PDB file of N, CA and C in Angstrom:
ATOM      1  N   MET A   1      32.246   8.943 -18.766  1.00  0.00           N
ATOM      2  CA  MET A   1      32.079   8.618 -17.367  1.00  0.00           C
ATOM      3  C   MET A   1      31.472   9.776 -16.609  1.00  0.00           C
ATOM      4  N   LEU A   2      32.037  10.917 -16.865  1.00  0.00           N
ATOM      5  CA  LEU A   2      31.518  12.148 -16.167  1.00  0.00           C
ATOM      6  C   LEU A   2      30.051  12.385 -16.479  1.00  0.00           C
ATOM      7  N   LEU A   3      29.649  12.158 -17.685  1.00  0.00           N
ATOM      8  CA  LEU A   3      28.271  12.370 -18.095  1.00  0.00           C
ATOM      9  C   LEU A   3      27.311  11.378 -17.374  1.00  0.00           C
ATOM     10  N   PHE A   4      27.779  10.211 -17.224  1.00  0.00           N
ATOM     11  CA  PHE A   4      26.984   9.161 -16.464  1.00  0.00           C
ATOM     12  C   PHE A   4      26.823   9.600 -15.010  1.00  0.00           C
ATOM     13  N   ILE A   5      27.946  10.095 -14.354  1.00  0.00           N
ATOM     14  CA  ILE A   5      27.868  10.558 -12.963  1.00  0.00           C
ATOM     15  C   ILE A   5      26.961  11.715 -12.868  1.00  0.00           C
ATOM     16  N   ARG A   6      27.093  12.699 -13.782  1.00  0.00           N
ATOM     17  CA  ARG A   6      26.201  13.887 -13.680  1.00  0.00           C
ATOM     18  C   ARG A   6      24.733  13.519 -13.883  1.00  0.00           C
ATOM     19  N   PHE A   7      24.467  12.650 -14.862  1.00  0.00           N
ATOM     20  CA  PHE A   7      23.038  12.229 -15.140  1.00  0.00           C
ATOM     21  C   PHE A   7      22.404  11.628 -13.794  1.00  0.00           C
ATOM     22  N   PHE A   8      23.148  10.661 -13.220  1.00  0.00           N
ATOM     23  CA  PHE A   8      22.596  10.016 -12.055  1.00  0.00           C
ATOM     24  C   PHE A   8      22.496  10.908 -10.867  1.00  0.00           C
ATOM     25  N   LEU A   9      23.471  11.804 -10.717  1.00  0.00           N
ATOM     26  CA  LEU A   9      23.343  12.785  -9.606  1.00  0.00           C
ATOM     27  C   LEU A   9      22.122  13.668  -9.814  1.00  0.00           C
ATOM     28  N   ALA A  10      21.864  14.153 -11.012  1.00  0.00           N
ATOM     29  CA  ALA A  10      20.739  14.955 -11.291  1.00  0.00           C
ATOM     30  C   ALA A  10      19.462  14.120 -11.070  1.00  0.00           C
ATOM     31  N   LEU A  11      19.428  12.906 -11.566  1.00  0.00           N
ATOM     32  CA  LEU A  11      18.240  12.035 -11.285  1.00  0.00           C
ATOM     33  C   LEU A  11      17.997  11.799  -9.810  1.00  0.00           C
ATOM     34  N   TYR A  12      18.996  11.503  -9.054  1.00  0.00           N
ATOM     35  CA  TYR A  12      18.782  11.396  -7.582  1.00  0.00           C
ATOM     36  C   TYR A  12      18.318  12.620  -7.003  1.00  0.00           C
ATOM     37  N   GLY A  13      18.786  13.800  -7.481  1.00  0.00           N
ATOM     38  CA  GLY A  13      18.403  15.117  -6.971  1.00  0.00           C
ATOM     39  C   GLY A  13      16.882  15.308  -7.155  1.00  0.00           C
ATOM     40  N   ILE A  14      16.477  14.943  -8.445  1.00  0.00           N
ATOM     41  CA  ILE A  14      15.045  15.062  -8.740  1.00  0.00           C
ATOM     42  C   ILE A  14      14.220  14.165  -7.924  1.00  0.00           C
ATOM     43  N   ILE A  15      14.627  12.883  -7.745  1.00  0.00           N
ATOM     44  CA  ILE A  15      13.896  11.953  -6.924  1.00  0.00           C
ATOM     45  C   ILE A  15      13.820  12.402  -5.471  1.00  0.00           C
ATOM     46  N   ALA A  16      14.947  12.895  -4.927  1.00  0.00           N
ATOM     47  CA  ALA A  16      14.948  13.404  -3.549  1.00  0.00           C
ATOM     48  C   ALA A  16      14.046  14.546  -3.334  1.00  0.00           C
ATOM     49  N   LEU A  17      14.095  15.496  -4.258  1.00  0.00           N
ATOM     50  CA  LEU A  17      13.231  16.637  -4.067  1.00  0.00           C
ATOM     51  C   LEU A  17      11.799  16.310  -4.258  1.00  0.00           C
ATOM     52  N   ALA A  18      11.415  15.499  -5.208  1.00  0.00           N
ATOM     53  CA  ALA A  18      10.015  15.124  -5.416  1.00  0.00           C
ATOM     54  C   ALA A  18       9.390  14.287  -4.283  1.00  0.00           C
ATOM     55  N   THR A  19      10.168  13.246  -3.877  1.00  0.00           N
ATOM     56  CA  THR A  19       9.657  12.431  -2.806  1.00  0.00           C
ATOM     57  C   THR A  19       9.668  13.165  -1.437  1.00  0.00           C
ATOM     58  N   GLY A  20      10.640  13.949  -1.231  1.00  0.00           N
ATOM     59  CA  GLY A  20      10.646  14.722   0.068  1.00  0.00           C
ATOM     60  C   GLY A  20       9.481  15.728   0.083  1.00  0.00           C
ATOM     61  N   PHE A  21       9.338  16.468  -1.057  1.00  0.00           N
ATOM     62  CA  PHE A  21       8.211  17.463  -1.071  1.00  0.00           C
ATOM     63  C   PHE A  21       6.892  16.789  -0.931  1.00  0.00           C
ATOM     64  N   MET A  22       6.619  15.676  -1.583  1.00  0.00           N
ATOM     65  CA  MET A  22       5.371  14.968  -1.562  1.00  0.00           C
ATOM     66  C   MET A  22       5.093  14.578  -0.052  1.00  0.00           C
ATOM     67  N   ALA A  23       6.147  14.016   0.581  1.00  0.00           N
ATOM     68  CA  ALA A  23       5.906  13.541   1.973  1.00  0.00           C
ATOM     69  C   ALA A  23       5.770  14.707   2.936  1.00  0.00           C
ATOM     70  N   MET A  24       6.454  15.820   2.674  1.00  0.00           N
ATOM     71  CA  MET A  24       6.352  16.899   3.557  1.00  0.00           C
ATOM     72  C   MET A  24       4.930  17.618   3.436  1.00  0.00           C
ATOM     73  N   THR A  25       4.356  17.544   2.286  1.00  0.00           N
ATOM     74  CA  THR A  25       3.048  18.284   2.087  1.00  0.00           C
ATOM     75  C   THR A  25       1.875  17.322   2.018  1.00  0.00           C
ATOM     76  N   SER A  26       2.116  16.022   2.312  1.00  0.00           N
ATOM     77  CA  SER A  26       0.913  15.161   2.370  1.00  0.00           C
ATOM     78  C   SER A  26      -0.040  15.480   3.552  1.00  0.00           C
ATOM     79  N   ALA A  27      -1.277  15.106   3.352  1.00  0.00           N
ATOM     80  CA  ALA A  27      -2.254  15.327   4.398  1.00  0.00           C
ATOM     81  C   ALA A  27      -2.068  14.443   5.609  1.00  0.00           C
ATOM     82  N   TYR A  28      -2.318  14.916   6.747  1.00  0.00           N
ATOM     83  CA  TYR A  28      -2.155  14.128   7.935  1.00  0.00           C
ATOM     84  C   TYR A  28      -3.339  13.130   8.121  1.00  0.00           C
ATOM     85  N   ASP A  29      -3.042  11.876   8.270  1.00  0.00           N
ATOM     86  CA  ASP A  29      -4.082  10.894   8.419  1.00  0.00           C
ATOM     87  C   ASP A  29      -3.870  10.161   9.788  1.00  0.00           C
ATOM     88  N   PRO A  30      -4.681  10.577  10.778  1.00  0.00           N
ATOM     89  CA  PRO A  30      -4.595   9.957  12.141  1.00  0.00           C
ATOM     90  C   PRO A  30      -4.766   8.453  12.143  1.00  0.00           C
ATOM     91  N   GLY A  31      -5.390   7.954  11.164  1.00  0.00           N
ATOM     92  CA  GLY A  31      -5.622   6.519  11.160  1.00  0.00           C
ATOM     93  C   GLY A  31      -4.373   5.744  10.776  1.00  0.00           C
ATOM     94  N   ILE A  32      -3.349   6.434  10.120  1.00  0.00           N
ATOM     95  CA  ILE A  32      -2.093   5.763   9.714  1.00  0.00           C
ATOM     96  C   ILE A  32      -0.970   6.093  10.777  1.00  0.00           C
ATOM     97  N   PHE A  33      -0.888   7.395  11.077  1.00  0.00           N
ATOM     98  CA  PHE A  33       0.192   7.909  12.005  1.00  0.00           C
ATOM     99  C   PHE A  33      -0.442   8.580  13.217  1.00  0.00           C
ATOM    100  N   ASN A  34       0.337   8.448  14.323  1.00  0.00           N
ATOM    101  CA  ASN A  34       0.019   9.354  15.452  1.00  0.00           C
ATOM    102  C   ASN A  34       0.788  10.668  15.172  1.00  0.00           C
ATOM    103  N   ALA A  35       0.605  11.689  15.993  1.00  0.00           N
ATOM    104  CA  ALA A  35       1.184  12.963  15.729  1.00  0.00           C
ATOM    105  C   ALA A  35       2.686  12.924  15.675  1.00  0.00           C
ATOM    106  N   MET A  36       3.330  12.156  16.681  1.00  0.00           N
ATOM    107  CA  MET A  36       4.774  11.999  16.690  1.00  0.00           C
ATOM    108  C   MET A  36       5.327  11.356  15.467  1.00  0.00           C
ATOM    109  N   ASP A  37       4.721  10.243  15.013  1.00  0.00           N
ATOM    110  CA  ASP A  37       5.216   9.546  13.924  1.00  0.00           C
ATOM    111  C   ASP A  37       5.107  10.466  12.581  1.00  0.00           C
ATOM    112  N   ASP A  38       3.923  11.152  12.510  1.00  0.00           N
ATOM    113  CA  ASP A  38       3.782  12.064  11.328  1.00  0.00           C
ATOM    114  C   ASP A  38       4.820  13.175  11.383  1.00  0.00           C
ATOM    115  N   ASN A  39       5.104  13.659  12.539  1.00  0.00           N
ATOM    116  CA  ASN A  39       6.101  14.733  12.652  1.00  0.00           C
ATOM    117  C   ASN A  39       7.549  14.202  12.242  1.00  0.00           C
ATOM    118  N   ASN A  40       7.838  13.052  12.698  1.00  0.00           N
ATOM    119  CA  ASN A  40       9.146  12.469  12.432  1.00  0.00           C
ATOM    120  C   ASN A  40       9.203  12.171  10.942  1.00  0.00           C
ATOM    121  N   HIS A  41       8.175  11.633  10.321  1.00  0.00           N
ATOM    122  CA  HIS A  41       8.123  11.384   8.917  1.00  0.00           C
ATOM    123  C   HIS A  41       8.317  12.606   8.090  1.00  0.00           C
ATOM    124  N   ARG A  42       7.768  13.704   8.476  1.00  0.00           N
ATOM    125  CA  ARG A  42       7.929  14.964   7.725  1.00  0.00           C
ATOM    126  C   ARG A  42       9.306  15.543   7.926  1.00  0.00           C
ATOM    127  N   TYR A  43       9.924  15.381   9.102  1.00  0.00           N
ATOM    128  CA  TYR A  43      11.309  15.818   9.366  1.00  0.00           C
ATOM    129  C   TYR A  43      12.227  15.050   8.396  1.00  0.00           C
ATOM    130  N   ILE A  44      12.139  13.706   8.375  1.00  0.00           N
ATOM    131  CA  ILE A  44      12.960  12.907   7.486  1.00  0.00           C
ATOM    132  C   ILE A  44      12.736  13.276   6.014  1.00  0.00           C
ATOM    133  N   ALA A  45      11.493  13.559   5.662  1.00  0.00           N
ATOM    134  CA  ALA A  45      11.224  13.980   4.242  1.00  0.00           C
ATOM    135  C   ALA A  45      11.897  15.307   3.962  1.00  0.00           C
ATOM    136  N   ALA A  46      11.908  16.228   4.921  1.00  0.00           N
ATOM    137  CA  ALA A  46      12.580  17.497   4.647  1.00  0.00           C
ATOM    138  C   ALA A  46      14.074  17.299   4.540  1.00  0.00           C
ATOM    139  N   ILE A  47      14.686  16.455   5.280  1.00  0.00           N
ATOM    140  CA  ILE A  47      16.069  16.097   5.153  1.00  0.00           C
ATOM    141  C   ILE A  47      16.359  15.554   3.794  1.00  0.00           C
ATOM    142  N   TRP A  48      15.499  14.630   3.303  1.00  0.00           N
ATOM    143  CA  TRP A  48      15.608  13.967   2.071  1.00  0.00           C
ATOM    144  C   TRP A  48      15.506  15.029   0.932  1.00  0.00           C
ATOM    145  N   ALA A  49      14.533  15.953   1.052  1.00  0.00           N
ATOM    146  CA  ALA A  49      14.413  17.045   0.069  1.00  0.00           C
ATOM    147  C   ALA A  49      15.676  17.900   0.006  1.00  0.00           C
ATOM    148  N   ALA A  50      16.182  18.189   1.206  1.00  0.00           N
ATOM    149  CA  ALA A  50      17.364  19.038   1.311  1.00  0.00           C
ATOM    150  C   ALA A  50      18.606  18.376   0.728  1.00  0.00           C
ATOM    151  N   MET A  51      18.599  17.011   0.725  1.00  0.00           N
ATOM    152  CA  MET A  51      19.741  16.294   0.078  1.00  0.00           C
ATOM    153  C   MET A  51      19.715  16.536  -1.423  1.00  0.00           C
ATOM    154  N   SER A  52      18.616  16.928  -1.897  1.00  0.00           N
ATOM    155  CA  SER A  52      18.632  17.189  -3.361  1.00  0.00           C
ATOM    156  C   SER A  52      19.560  18.315  -3.756  1.00  0.00           C
ATOM    157  N   LEU A  53      19.755  19.265  -2.828  1.00  0.00           N
ATOM    158  CA  LEU A  53      20.718  20.350  -3.049  1.00  0.00           C
ATOM    159  C   LEU A  53      22.108  19.857  -3.180  1.00  0.00           C
ATOM    160  N   ALA A  54      22.470  18.837  -2.353  1.00  0.00           N
ATOM    161  CA  ALA A  54      23.793  18.236  -2.438  1.00  0.00           C
ATOM    162  C   ALA A  54      23.860  17.457  -3.712  1.00  0.00           C
ATOM    163  N   PHE A  55      22.936  16.731  -4.193  1.00  0.00           N
ATOM    164  CA  PHE A  55      23.041  15.985  -5.430  1.00  0.00           C
ATOM    165  C   PHE A  55      23.237  16.994  -6.595  1.00  0.00           C
ATOM    166  N   PHE A  56      22.443  18.051  -6.615  1.00  0.00           N
ATOM    167  CA  PHE A  56      22.522  19.063  -7.744  1.00  0.00           C
ATOM    168  C   PHE A  56      23.906  19.770  -7.624  1.00  0.00           C
ATOM    169  N   TYR A  57      24.331  20.163  -6.481  1.00  0.00           N
ATOM    170  CA  TYR A  57      25.639  20.839  -6.382  1.00  0.00           C
ATOM    171  C   TYR A  57      26.719  19.977  -6.858  1.00  0.00           C
ATOM    172  N   VAL A  58      26.811  18.683  -6.480  1.00  0.00           N
ATOM    173  CA  VAL A  58      27.900  17.800  -6.869  1.00  0.00           C
ATOM    174  C   VAL A  58      27.739  17.520  -8.361  1.00  0.00           C
ATOM    175  N   ALA A  59      26.533  17.476  -8.937  1.00  0.00           N
ATOM    176  CA  ALA A  59      26.402  17.209 -10.385  1.00  0.00           C
ATOM    177  C   ALA A  59      27.122  18.373 -11.219  1.00  0.00           C
ATOM    178  N   TRP A  60      27.044  19.597 -10.696  1.00  0.00           N
ATOM    179  CA  TRP A  60      27.680  20.640 -11.336  1.00  0.00           C
ATOM    180  C   TRP A  60      29.120  20.871 -10.838  1.00  0.00           C
ATOM    181  N   ASN A  61      29.517  20.350  -9.731  1.00  0.00           N
ATOM    182  CA  ASN A  61      30.893  20.408  -9.226  1.00  0.00           C
ATOM    183  C   ASN A  61      31.394  19.122  -8.802  1.00  0.00           C
ATOM    184  N   PRO A  62      31.650  18.188  -9.759  1.00  0.00           N
ATOM    185  CA  PRO A  62      32.014  16.806  -9.387  1.00  0.00           C
ATOM    186  C   PRO A  62      33.356  16.717  -8.731  1.00  0.00           C
ATOM    187  N   SER A  63      34.165  17.768  -8.682  1.00  0.00           N
ATOM    188  CA  SER A  63      35.451  17.676  -8.011  1.00  0.00           C
ATOM    189  C   SER A  63      35.253  17.766  -6.536  1.00  0.00           C
ATOM    190  N   GLU A  64      34.089  18.042  -6.045  1.00  0.00           N
ATOM    191  CA  GLU A  64      33.794  18.093  -4.559  1.00  0.00           C
ATOM    192  C   GLU A  64      33.777  16.652  -4.023  1.00  0.00           C
ATOM    193  N   THR A  65      35.002  16.087  -3.904  1.00  0.00           N
ATOM    194  CA  THR A  65      35.093  14.734  -3.577  1.00  0.00           C
ATOM    195  C   THR A  65      34.417  14.278  -2.268  1.00  0.00           C
ATOM    196  N   THR A  66      34.607  15.003  -1.205  1.00  0.00           N
ATOM    197  CA  THR A  66      34.028  14.633   0.065  1.00  0.00           C
ATOM    198  C   THR A  66      32.517  14.607   0.029  1.00  0.00           C
ATOM    199  N   LEU A  67      31.926  15.630  -0.499  1.00  0.00           N
ATOM    200  CA  LEU A  67      30.466  15.669  -0.703  1.00  0.00           C
ATOM    201  C   LEU A  67      29.948  14.593  -1.559  1.00  0.00           C
ATOM    202  N   PHE A  68      30.632  14.399  -2.678  1.00  0.00           N
ATOM    203  CA  PHE A  68      30.229  13.277  -3.590  1.00  0.00           C
ATOM    204  C   PHE A  68      30.215  11.970  -2.893  1.00  0.00           C
ATOM    205  N   ARG A  69      31.287  11.642  -2.176  1.00  0.00           N
ATOM    206  CA  ARG A  69      31.466  10.344  -1.508  1.00  0.00           C
ATOM    207  C   ARG A  69      30.328  10.285  -0.380  1.00  0.00           C
ATOM    208  N   PHE A  70      30.034  11.419   0.240  1.00  0.00           N
ATOM    209  CA  PHE A  70      28.968  11.326   1.309  1.00  0.00           C
ATOM    210  C   PHE A  70      27.681  10.980   0.719  1.00  0.00           C
ATOM    211  N   VAL A  71      27.257  11.602  -0.351  1.00  0.00           N
ATOM    212  CA  VAL A  71      25.934  11.345  -0.900  1.00  0.00           C
ATOM    213  C   VAL A  71      25.908   9.904  -1.531  1.00  0.00           C
ATOM    214  N   MET A  72      26.970   9.434  -2.007  1.00  0.00           N
ATOM    215  CA  MET A  72      26.974   8.046  -2.630  1.00  0.00           C
ATOM    216  C   MET A  72      26.884   7.063  -1.438  1.00  0.00           C
ATOM    217  N   ILE A  73      27.611   7.256  -0.319  1.00  0.00           N
ATOM    218  CA  ILE A  73      27.585   6.353   0.773  1.00  0.00           C
ATOM    219  C   ILE A  73      26.211   6.356   1.425  1.00  0.00           C
ATOM    220  N   ALA A  74      25.596   7.609   1.474  1.00  0.00           N
ATOM    221  CA  ALA A  74      24.215   7.760   2.038  1.00  0.00           C
ATOM    222  C   ALA A  74      23.224   6.859   1.179  1.00  0.00           C
ATOM    223  N   LEU A  75      23.337   6.949  -0.072  1.00  0.00           N
ATOM    224  CA  LEU A  75      22.509   6.159  -0.978  1.00  0.00           C
ATOM    225  C   LEU A  75      22.752   4.677  -0.717  1.00  0.00           C
ATOM    226  N   ILE A  76      23.997   4.272  -0.617  1.00  0.00           N
ATOM    227  CA  ILE A  76      24.271   2.845  -0.364  1.00  0.00           C
ATOM    228  C   ILE A  76      23.755   2.340   0.900  1.00  0.00           C
ATOM    229  N   ILE A  77      23.934   3.143   2.015  1.00  0.00           N
ATOM    230  CA  ILE A  77      23.418   2.764   3.303  1.00  0.00           C
ATOM    231  C   ILE A  77      21.917   2.687   3.237  1.00  0.00           C
ATOM    232  N   GLY A  78      21.228   3.596   2.478  1.00  0.00           N
ATOM    233  CA  GLY A  78      19.766   3.510   2.387  1.00  0.00           C
ATOM    234  C   GLY A  78      19.318   2.243   1.661  1.00  0.00           C
ATOM    235  N   GLY A  79      20.093   1.788   0.627  1.00  0.00           N
ATOM    236  CA  GLY A  79      19.763   0.682  -0.099  1.00  0.00           C
ATOM    237  C   GLY A  79      19.969  -0.609   0.771  1.00  0.00           C
ATOM    238  N   VAL A  80      20.998  -0.582   1.609  1.00  0.00           N
ATOM    239  CA  VAL A  80      21.252  -1.737   2.481  1.00  0.00           C
ATOM    240  C   VAL A  80      20.169  -1.868   3.560  1.00  0.00           C
ATOM    241  N   VAL A  81      19.696  -0.681   4.096  1.00  0.00           N
ATOM    242  CA  VAL A  81      18.712  -0.689   5.093  1.00  0.00           C
ATOM    243  C   VAL A  81      17.386  -1.148   4.453  1.00  0.00           C
ATOM    244  N   ARG A  82      17.117  -0.741   3.249  1.00  0.00           N
ATOM    245  CA  ARG A  82      15.874  -1.238   2.539  1.00  0.00           C
ATOM    246  C   ARG A  82      15.924  -2.784   2.323  1.00  0.00           C
ATOM    247  N   ALA A  83      17.133  -3.243   1.926  1.00  0.00           N
ATOM    248  CA  ALA A  83      17.264  -4.659   1.681  1.00  0.00           C
ATOM    249  C   ALA A  83      17.096  -5.480   2.985  1.00  0.00           C
ATOM    250  N   VAL A  84      17.651  -5.007   4.053  1.00  0.00           N
ATOM    251  CA  VAL A  84      17.498  -5.721   5.386  1.00  0.00           C
ATOM    252  C   VAL A  84      16.048  -5.702   5.782  1.00  0.00           C
ATOM    253  N   ALA A  85      15.342  -4.639   5.520  1.00  0.00           N
ATOM    254  CA  ALA A  85      13.914  -4.464   5.982  1.00  0.00           C
ATOM    255  C   ALA A  85      13.089  -5.455   5.167  1.00  0.00           C
ATOM    256  N   LEU A  86      13.551  -6.092   4.124  1.00  0.00           N
ATOM    257  CA  LEU A  86      12.747  -7.047   3.434  1.00  0.00           C
ATOM    258  C   LEU A  86      12.446  -8.336   4.217  1.00  0.00           C
ATOM    259  N   ILE A  87      13.112  -8.466   5.405  1.00  0.00           N
ATOM    260  CA  ILE A  87      12.814  -9.601   6.250  1.00  0.00           C
ATOM    261  C   ILE A  87      11.422  -9.419   6.870  1.00  0.00           C
ATOM    262  N   ASN A  88      10.929  -8.174   6.883  1.00  0.00           N
ATOM    263  CA  ASN A  88       9.671  -7.847   7.505  1.00  0.00           C
ATOM    264  C   ASN A  88       8.444  -7.977   6.548  1.00  0.00           C
ATOM    265  N   TYR A  89       8.702  -7.981   5.263  1.00  0.00           N
ATOM    266  CA  TYR A  89       7.572  -8.003   4.292  1.00  0.00           C
ATOM    267  C   TYR A  89       8.155  -8.523   2.940  1.00  0.00           C
ATOM    268  N   PRO A  90       7.227  -8.976   2.090  1.00  0.00           N
ATOM    269  CA  PRO A  90       7.710  -9.501   0.841  1.00  0.00           C
ATOM    270  C   PRO A  90       8.252  -8.426  -0.112  1.00  0.00           C
ATOM    271  N   ALA A  91       9.185  -8.828  -0.912  1.00  0.00           N
ATOM    272  CA  ALA A  91       9.759  -7.898  -1.898  1.00  0.00           C
ATOM    273  C   ALA A  91       8.836  -7.759  -3.100  1.00  0.00           C
ATOM    274  N   THR A  92       8.483  -6.491  -3.324  1.00  0.00           N
ATOM    275  CA  THR A  92       7.783  -6.155  -4.577  1.00  0.00           C
ATOM    276  C   THR A  92       8.697  -5.698  -5.660  1.00  0.00           C
ATOM    277  N   PRO A  93       8.295  -5.751  -6.914  1.00  0.00           N
ATOM    278  CA  PRO A  93       9.233  -5.273  -7.933  1.00  0.00           C
ATOM    279  C   PRO A  93       9.670  -3.779  -7.759  1.00  0.00           C
ATOM    280  N   VAL A  94       8.718  -2.980  -7.243  1.00  0.00           N
ATOM    281  CA  VAL A  94       9.085  -1.562  -7.005  1.00  0.00           C
ATOM    282  C   VAL A  94      10.150  -1.513  -5.925  1.00  0.00           C
ATOM    283  N   LEU A  95       9.994  -2.204  -4.820  1.00  0.00           N
ATOM    284  CA  LEU A  95      10.998  -2.160  -3.819  1.00  0.00           C
ATOM    285  C   LEU A  95      12.373  -2.715  -4.226  1.00  0.00           C
ATOM    286  N   LEU A  96      12.308  -3.710  -5.008  1.00  0.00           N
ATOM    287  CA  LEU A  96      13.551  -4.281  -5.588  1.00  0.00           C
ATOM    288  C   LEU A  96      14.222  -3.326  -6.540  1.00  0.00           C
ATOM    289  N   PHE A  97      13.440  -2.633  -7.357  1.00  0.00           N
ATOM    290  CA  PHE A  97      13.979  -1.578  -8.205  1.00  0.00           C
ATOM    291  C   PHE A  97      14.631  -0.471  -7.422  1.00  0.00           C
ATOM    292  N   LEU A  98      13.934  -0.004  -6.348  1.00  0.00           N
ATOM    293  CA  LEU A  98      14.513   1.096  -5.517  1.00  0.00           C
ATOM    294  C   LEU A  98      15.782   0.610  -4.864  1.00  0.00           C
ATOM    295  N   ILE A  99      15.778  -0.568  -4.337  1.00  0.00           N
ATOM    296  CA  ILE A  99      17.041  -1.117  -3.697  1.00  0.00           C
ATOM    297  C   ILE A  99      18.130  -1.121  -4.681  1.00  0.00           C
ATOM    298  N   LEU A 100      17.889  -1.665  -5.805  1.00  0.00           N
ATOM    299  CA  LEU A 100      18.947  -1.745  -6.826  1.00  0.00           C
ATOM    300  C   LEU A 100      19.402  -0.374  -7.272  1.00  0.00           C
ATOM    301  N   LEU A 101      18.491   0.573  -7.400  1.00  0.00           N
ATOM    302  CA  LEU A 101      18.852   1.902  -7.688  1.00  0.00           C
ATOM    303  C   LEU A 101      19.700   2.593  -6.709  1.00  0.00           C
ATOM    304  N   GLU A 102      19.527   2.182  -5.457  1.00  0.00           N
ATOM    305  CA  GLU A 102      20.388   2.796  -4.411  1.00  0.00           C
ATOM    306  C   GLU A 102      21.712   2.072  -4.130  1.00  0.00           C
ATOM    307  N   LEU A 103      21.872   0.865  -4.745  1.00  0.00           N
ATOM    308  CA  LEU A 103      23.043   0.062  -4.543  1.00  0.00           C
ATOM    309  C   LEU A 103      23.999  -0.011  -5.724  1.00  0.00           C
ATOM    310  N   ILE A 104      23.447  -0.189  -6.935  1.00  0.00           N
ATOM    311  CA  ILE A 104      24.339  -0.420  -8.070  1.00  0.00           C
ATOM    312  C   ILE A 104      24.877   0.856  -8.653  1.00  0.00           C
ATOM    313  N   PRO A 105      24.097   1.842  -9.087  1.00  0.00           N
ATOM    314  CA  PRO A 105      24.686   3.016  -9.624  1.00  0.00           C
ATOM    315  C   PRO A 105      25.641   3.794  -8.706  1.00  0.00           C
ATOM    316  N   PRO A 106      25.274   3.947  -7.441  1.00  0.00           N
ATOM    317  CA  PRO A 106      26.238   4.640  -6.533  1.00  0.00           C
ATOM    318  C   PRO A 106      27.637   3.930  -6.473  1.00  0.00           C
ATOM    319  N   ALA A 107      27.579   2.588  -6.406  1.00  0.00           N
ATOM    320  CA  ALA A 107      28.888   1.871  -6.402  1.00  0.00           C
ATOM    321  C   ALA A 107      29.669   2.076  -7.680  1.00  0.00           C
ATOM    322  N   ILE A 108      28.981   2.012  -8.845  1.00  0.00           N
ATOM    323  CA  ILE A 108      29.659   2.236 -10.060  1.00  0.00           C
ATOM    324  C   ILE A 108      30.156   3.678 -10.113  1.00  0.00           C
ATOM    325  N   MET A 109      29.390   4.671  -9.683  1.00  0.00           N
ATOM    326  CA  MET A 109      29.755   6.071  -9.721  1.00  0.00           C
ATOM    327  C   MET A 109      30.928   6.283  -8.756  1.00  0.00           C
ATOM    328  N   LEU A 110      31.001   5.647  -7.602  1.00  0.00           N
ATOM    329  CA  LEU A 110      32.224   5.811  -6.729  1.00  0.00           C
ATOM    330  C   LEU A 110      33.464   5.320  -7.496  1.00  0.00           C
ATOM    331  N   TRP A 111      33.314   4.187  -8.144  1.00  0.00           N
ATOM    332  CA  TRP A 111      34.478   3.622  -8.895  1.00  0.00           C
ATOM    333  C   TRP A 111      34.913   4.581 -10.027  1.00  0.00           C
ATOM    334  N   MET A 112      33.904   5.056 -10.834  1.00  0.00           N
ATOM    335  CA  MET A 112      34.183   6.017 -11.909  1.00  0.00           C
ATOM    336  C   MET A 112      34.826   7.294 -11.377  1.00  0.00           C
ATOM    337  N   HIS A 113      34.276   7.803 -10.341  1.00  0.00           N
ATOM    338  CA  HIS A 113      34.743   9.072  -9.778  1.00  0.00           C
ATOM    339  C   HIS A 113      36.242   8.915  -9.305  1.00  0.00           C
ATOM    340  N   ALA A 114      36.534   7.773  -8.645  1.00  0.00           N
ATOM    341  CA  ALA A 114      37.947   7.538  -8.205  1.00  0.00           C
ATOM    342  C   ALA A 114      38.852   7.465  -9.412  1.00  0.00           C
ATOM    343  N   LYS A 115      38.303   6.781 -10.468  1.00  0.00           N
ATOM    344  CA  LYS A 115      39.118   6.689 -11.675  1.00  0.00           C
ATOM    345  C   LYS A 115      39.421   8.036 -12.343  1.00  0.00           C
ATOM    346  N   LEU A 116      38.343   8.840 -12.399  1.00  0.00           N
ATOM    347  CA  LEU A 116      38.580  10.179 -12.935  1.00  0.00           C
ATOM    348  C   LEU A 116      39.509  11.001 -12.007  1.00  0.00           C
ATOM    349  N   LEU A 117      39.381  10.931 -10.771  1.00  0.00           N
ATOM    350  CA  LEU A 117      40.315  11.613  -9.885  1.00  0.00           C
ATOM    351  C   LEU A 117      41.728  11.205 -10.104  1.00  0.00           C
ATOM    352  N   LYS A 118      41.967   9.907 -10.221  1.00  0.00           N
ATOM    353  CA  LYS A 118      43.286   9.325 -10.366  1.00  0.00           C
ATOM    354  C   LYS A 118      43.871   9.813 -11.694  1.00  0.00           C
ATOM    355  N   SER A 119      43.058   9.893 -12.749  1.00  0.00           N
ATOM    356  CA  SER A 119      43.567  10.294 -14.120  1.00  0.00           C
ATOM    357  C   SER A 119      43.756  11.839 -14.167  1.00  0.00           C
ATOM    358  N   GLY A 120      43.278  12.529 -13.141  1.00  0.00           N
ATOM    359  CA  GLY A 120      43.448  14.024 -13.146  1.00  0.00           C
ATOM    360  C   GLY A 120      42.438  14.767 -13.925  1.00  0.00           C
ATOM    361  N   VAL A 121      41.289  14.082 -14.325  1.00  0.00           N
ATOM    362  CA  VAL A 121      40.221  14.696 -15.086  1.00  0.00           C
ATOM    363  C   VAL A 121      39.444  15.674 -14.201  1.00  0.00           C
ATOM    364  N   LEU A 122      39.330  15.350 -12.856  1.00  0.00           N
ATOM    365  CA  LEU A 122      38.521  16.173 -11.961  1.00  0.00           C
ATOM    366  C   LEU A 122      39.431  17.033 -11.204  1.00  0.00           C
TER     367      LEU A 122
END
């Protein structure tokens, strides 16, 4: 169980760092964004990239229960928001995959983590 948790935390950390970095360093396109939207997009990307630090830290320190629960709940909220946003556009296989990646593993990991805490392993 702990290996599963650590694997997915590291995976989420890599995803957060890569997507945040790509969005922070992308070229400005005035045809897509105005300056304020671009600035907000980069700010959110920086926060997402910084979240990778939390994912990596908790992967190596899974007994940090509060931080672990925070990052799992943040992922679940992100998945719910993505799912609700599907009322605005059609679901693509990539979007469905991302939504499921943000909803299913974090819920399983919360359950596993609670079980490990209860058994005294963490």
